[in-house]
Each structure stands twice: as C-alpha cells, then as structure tokens.
Amino acid sequence: MFREDYETQAIQEAVESGMAHRELMETLGGLRISDFIPPHAGEPVADYAARATGELMVRYLAQDKDDTVPPV
C-alpha cells in the first residue's frame, strides 16, 4: 500500500468520527498524518485509520485550551 492510502483513509475516518478538519490540521501541526502517527509494517489500511483516529482524538483532547473552571 502507498502511504497516501493510509493518510486518505485516516483523514476520512477522523472526519467521519466527528473531528472537524480544522481541529485535525491543528492537531497535526503541519505534519502529514503518516509522519505524526506512522503505520505499522504490514498494518491494513482500515486498521491504521481506526488506530490513527483514536490517537488523534486523544492528542486533540489533551491539548484542550479551554480554561473554564467547573462550577463548585
């Protein structure tokens, strides 16, 4: 498989899972998704897309810039 196949599928999966394209691009910080989260050797494209989406969601939530304090 070509690296572009992995990237295309992972981006589609992330967007379909609810991540806005802007959020995705911010999380990647200018990197290609396959550089940010490399595919494993022999990993099927669909498996990579699911794994990359999960990792992207975790990283996006970890960088949450919301400074609001929950009510006491």
Protein backbone atom coordinates (compact mmCIF):
# COMPACT_ATOMS: atom_id res chain seq x y z
CA MET A 1 0.00 0.00 0.00
CA PHE A 2 1.06 3.56 -0.58
CA ARG A 3 1.44 5.95 2.34
CA GLU A 4 -1.17 8.22 0.69
CA ASP A 5 -3.74 5.41 1.01
CA TYR A 6 -3.14 5.35 4.76
CA GLU A 7 -3.38 9.13 5.01
CA THR A 8 -6.53 9.43 2.94
CA GLN A 9 -8.32 6.72 4.91
CA ALA A 10 -7.19 8.11 8.29
CA ILE A 11 -8.34 11.65 7.46
CA GLN A 12 -11.69 10.35 6.25
CA GLU A 13 -12.10 8.22 9.38
CA ALA A 14 -11.22 11.14 11.68
CA VAL A 15 -13.70 13.48 9.99
CA GLU A 16 -16.44 10.84 9.95
CA SER A 17 -15.79 10.26 13.66
CA GLY A 18 -16.61 13.89 14.40
CA MET A 19 -13.28 15.69 14.22
CA ALA A 20 -13.52 18.94 12.31
CA HIS A 21 -10.99 19.35 9.50
CA ARG A 22 -9.63 22.46 11.28
CA GLU A 23 -9.17 20.51 14.52
CA LEU A 24 -7.40 17.75 12.63
CA MET A 25 -5.00 20.18 10.97
CA GLU A 26 -4.28 21.95 14.28
CA THR A 27 -3.54 18.63 15.96
CA LEU A 28 -1.17 17.60 13.18
CA GLY A 29 0.70 20.90 13.46
CA GLY A 30 1.71 20.93 9.81
CA LEU A 31 2.86 17.30 9.70
CA ARG A 32 1.47 14.62 7.44
CA ILE A 33 -0.71 12.21 9.38
CA SER A 34 1.52 9.25 8.49
CA ASP A 35 4.55 11.14 9.85
CA PHE A 36 2.69 12.10 13.02
CA ILE A 37 1.35 8.57 13.54
CA PRO A 38 3.31 6.15 11.36
CA PRO A 39 1.64 2.99 10.05
CA HIS A 40 2.99 -0.27 11.43
CA ALA A 41 4.67 -2.66 9.00
CA GLY A 42 2.00 -4.71 7.24
CA GLU A 43 -0.85 -2.90 9.01
CA PRO A 44 -4.08 -2.97 6.98
CA VAL A 45 -5.27 0.48 5.90
CA ALA A 46 -8.58 0.19 7.78
CA ASP A 47 -6.81 -0.83 11.00
CA TYR A 48 -4.38 2.06 10.65
CA ALA A 49 -7.21 4.53 10.07
CA ALA A 50 -9.01 3.40 13.22
CA ARG A 51 -5.82 3.48 15.31
CA ALA A 52 -4.70 6.86 13.95
CA THR A 53 -8.14 8.36 14.57
CA GLY A 54 -8.11 7.19 18.18
CA GLU A 55 -4.63 8.59 18.74
CA LEU A 56 -5.55 11.89 17.07
CA MET A 57 -8.65 12.25 19.24
CA VAL A 58 -6.63 11.64 22.41
CA ARG A 59 -3.97 14.16 21.35
CA TYR A 60 -6.60 16.71 20.37
CA LEU A 61 -8.37 16.41 23.73
CA ALA A 62 -5.05 16.56 25.59
CA GLN A 63 -4.27 19.92 24.03
CA ASP A 64 -7.67 21.36 25.01
CA LYS A 65 -7.20 25.06 25.58
CA ASP A 66 -10.45 25.54 27.49
CA ASP A 67 -9.56 27.42 30.67
CA THR A 68 -13.03 27.43 32.18
CA VAL A 69 -13.33 26.17 35.71
CA PRO A 70 -16.14 23.74 36.56
CA PRO A 71 -18.78 25.08 38.97
CA VAL A 72 -18.11 24.45 42.64
